[in-house]
Amino acid sequence: MPERTLRERAHDVEVTVWVGKAGIDAVVEELSDQLDDRELVKAKFLRAARGGTTTEELADELAGRVGADVVETRGHTAVFNR
């Protein structure tokens, strides 16, 4: 599916993964499971998870761990697609 179409559809996706102080290690399996069931998954990176990194850096690392692509990041949220 074209990236533009995915971005348009991502707008209506609800956040279903929250990355907190336990970091991305705590959500790798959950994100992977959700991507098995749906096309798009939105994750929110809470302040405690970000520390000195950016949402984009965390999203890229998380995507690499689950074999997904980052469709977009906006604010402190990211949308993933596999």
C-alpha atoms as a PDB file:
ATOM      1  CA  MET A   1       0.000   0.000   0.000  1.00  0.00           C
ATOM      2  CA  PRO A   2       1.376   3.464  -0.851  1.00  0.00           C
ATOM      3  CA  GLU A   3       2.899   5.363   2.071  1.00  0.00           C
ATOM      4  CA  ARG A   4       0.532   8.300   1.599  1.00  0.00           C
ATOM      5  CA  THR A   5      -2.501   6.022   1.934  1.00  0.00           C
ATOM      6  CA  LEU A   6      -1.040   4.464   5.100  1.00  0.00           C
ATOM      7  CA  ARG A   7      -0.459   7.922   6.570  1.00  0.00           C
ATOM      8  CA  GLU A   8      -4.035   8.952   5.816  1.00  0.00           C
ATOM      9  CA  ARG A   9      -5.375   5.777   7.448  1.00  0.00           C
ATOM     10  CA  ALA A  10      -3.027   6.194  10.437  1.00  0.00           C
ATOM     11  CA  HIS A  11      -4.851   9.356  11.446  1.00  0.00           C
ATOM     12  CA  ASP A  12      -7.865   7.353  12.670  1.00  0.00           C
ATOM     13  CA  VAL A  13      -5.879   4.627  14.460  1.00  0.00           C
ATOM     14  CA  GLU A  14      -6.077   4.686  18.260  1.00  0.00           C
ATOM     15  CA  VAL A  15      -2.963   4.329  20.423  1.00  0.00           C
ATOM     16  CA  THR A  16      -2.764   0.704  21.595  1.00  0.00           C
ATOM     17  CA  VAL A  17       0.877   0.528  22.761  1.00  0.00           C
ATOM     18  CA  TRP A  18       2.337   2.801  25.432  1.00  0.00           C
ATOM     19  CA  VAL A  19       6.103   2.922  25.949  1.00  0.00           C
ATOM     20  CA  GLY A  20       6.904   4.017  29.497  1.00  0.00           C
ATOM     21  CA  LYS A  21       9.781   3.958  31.922  1.00  0.00           C
ATOM     22  CA  ALA A  22      10.481   0.263  31.220  1.00  0.00           C
ATOM     23  CA  GLY A  23      11.478   1.320  27.685  1.00  0.00           C
ATOM     24  CA  ILE A  24      10.981  -0.395  24.373  1.00  0.00           C
ATOM     25  CA  ASP A  25      12.137  -3.799  25.652  1.00  0.00           C
ATOM     26  CA  ALA A  26       8.851  -4.053  27.549  1.00  0.00           C
ATOM     27  CA  VAL A  27       6.679  -3.605  24.433  1.00  0.00           C
ATOM     28  CA  VAL A  28       8.525  -5.474  21.665  1.00  0.00           C
ATOM     29  CA  GLU A  29       6.430  -8.633  21.990  1.00  0.00           C
ATOM     30  CA  GLU A  30       3.149  -6.727  22.365  1.00  0.00           C
ATOM     31  CA  LEU A  31       3.808  -4.603  19.281  1.00  0.00           C
ATOM     32  CA  SER A  32       4.797  -7.663  17.280  1.00  0.00           C
ATOM     33  CA  ASP A  33       1.601  -9.478  18.299  1.00  0.00           C
ATOM     34  CA  GLN A  34      -0.547  -6.485  17.385  1.00  0.00           C
ATOM     35  CA  LEU A  35       1.151  -6.150  13.986  1.00  0.00           C
ATOM     36  CA  ASP A  36       0.300  -9.797  13.334  1.00  0.00           C
ATOM     37  CA  ASP A  37      -3.374  -8.902  13.773  1.00  0.00           C
ATOM     38  CA  ARG A  38      -3.618  -5.445  12.188  1.00  0.00           C
ATOM     39  CA  GLU A  39      -2.121  -3.417   9.428  1.00  0.00           C
ATOM     40  CA  LEU A  40      -1.312  -0.324  11.504  1.00  0.00           C
ATOM     41  CA  VAL A  41      -0.401   0.050  15.174  1.00  0.00           C
ATOM     42  CA  LYS A  42       0.061   3.375  16.928  1.00  0.00           C
ATOM     43  CA  ALA A  43       2.421   3.700  19.893  1.00  0.00           C
ATOM     44  CA  LYS A  44       2.862   6.605  22.293  1.00  0.00           C
ATOM     45  CA  PHE A  45       6.265   7.268  23.830  1.00  0.00           C
ATOM     46  CA  LEU A  46       5.799   8.708  27.306  1.00  0.00           C
ATOM     47  CA  ARG A  47       8.279  11.197  28.749  1.00  0.00           C
ATOM     48  CA  ALA A  48       9.850   8.538  31.001  1.00  0.00           C
ATOM     49  CA  ALA A  49      10.707   6.409  27.953  1.00  0.00           C
ATOM     50  CA  ARG A  50      12.239   9.200  25.915  1.00  0.00           C
ATOM     51  CA  GLY A  51      14.935  10.300  28.340  1.00  0.00           C
ATOM     52  CA  GLY A  52      17.560  11.962  26.169  1.00  0.00           C
ATOM     53  CA  THR A  53      16.400  10.426  22.883  1.00  0.00           C
ATOM     54  CA  THR A  54      13.821  11.501  20.350  1.00  0.00           C
ATOM     55  CA  THR A  55      10.577   9.793  19.467  1.00  0.00           C
ATOM     56  CA  GLU A  56      11.969   9.163  15.982  1.00  0.00           C
ATOM     57  CA  GLU A  57      15.053   7.368  17.340  1.00  0.00           C
ATOM     58  CA  LEU A  58      12.993   5.186  19.657  1.00  0.00           C
ATOM     59  CA  ALA A  59      10.469   4.409  16.926  1.00  0.00           C
ATOM     60  CA  ASP A  60      13.219   3.397  14.491  1.00  0.00           C
ATOM     61  CA  GLU A  61      14.818   1.102  17.074  1.00  0.00           C
ATOM     62  CA  LEU A  62      11.487  -0.470  17.976  1.00  0.00           C
ATOM     63  CA  ALA A  63      10.581  -0.977  14.318  1.00  0.00           C
ATOM     64  CA  GLY A  64      13.896  -2.726  13.731  1.00  0.00           C
ATOM     65  CA  ARG A  65      13.252  -5.102  16.625  1.00  0.00           C
ATOM     66  CA  VAL A  66       9.849  -6.209  15.315  1.00  0.00           C
ATOM     67  CA  GLY A  67      10.626  -6.155  11.598  1.00  0.00           C
ATOM     68  CA  ALA A  68       8.266  -3.261  10.882  1.00  0.00           C
ATOM     69  CA  ASP A  69       8.363   0.099   9.145  1.00  0.00           C
ATOM     70  CA  VAL A  70       7.657   3.444  10.757  1.00  0.00           C
ATOM     71  CA  VAL A  71       4.815   4.942   8.715  1.00  0.00           C
ATOM     72  CA  GLU A  72       5.102   8.288  10.501  1.00  0.00           C
ATOM     73  CA  THR A  73       5.942   9.970  13.770  1.00  0.00           C
ATOM     74  CA  ARG A  74       3.981  12.915  15.038  1.00  0.00           C
ATOM     75  CA  GLY A  75       4.630  14.496  18.396  1.00  0.00           C
ATOM     76  CA  HIS A  76       5.316  11.626  20.755  1.00  0.00           C
ATOM     77  CA  THR A  77       3.467   8.978  18.774  1.00  0.00           C
ATOM     78  CA  ALA A  78       4.579   6.660  15.991  1.00  0.00           C
ATOM     79  CA  VAL A  79       2.650   4.456  13.608  1.00  0.00           C
ATOM     80  CA  PHE A  80       4.054   1.085  12.581  1.00  0.00           C
ATOM     81  CA  ASN A  81       3.278  -1.225   9.638  1.00  0.00           C
ATOM     82  CA  ARG A  82       4.669  -4.608   8.732  1.00  0.00           C
END
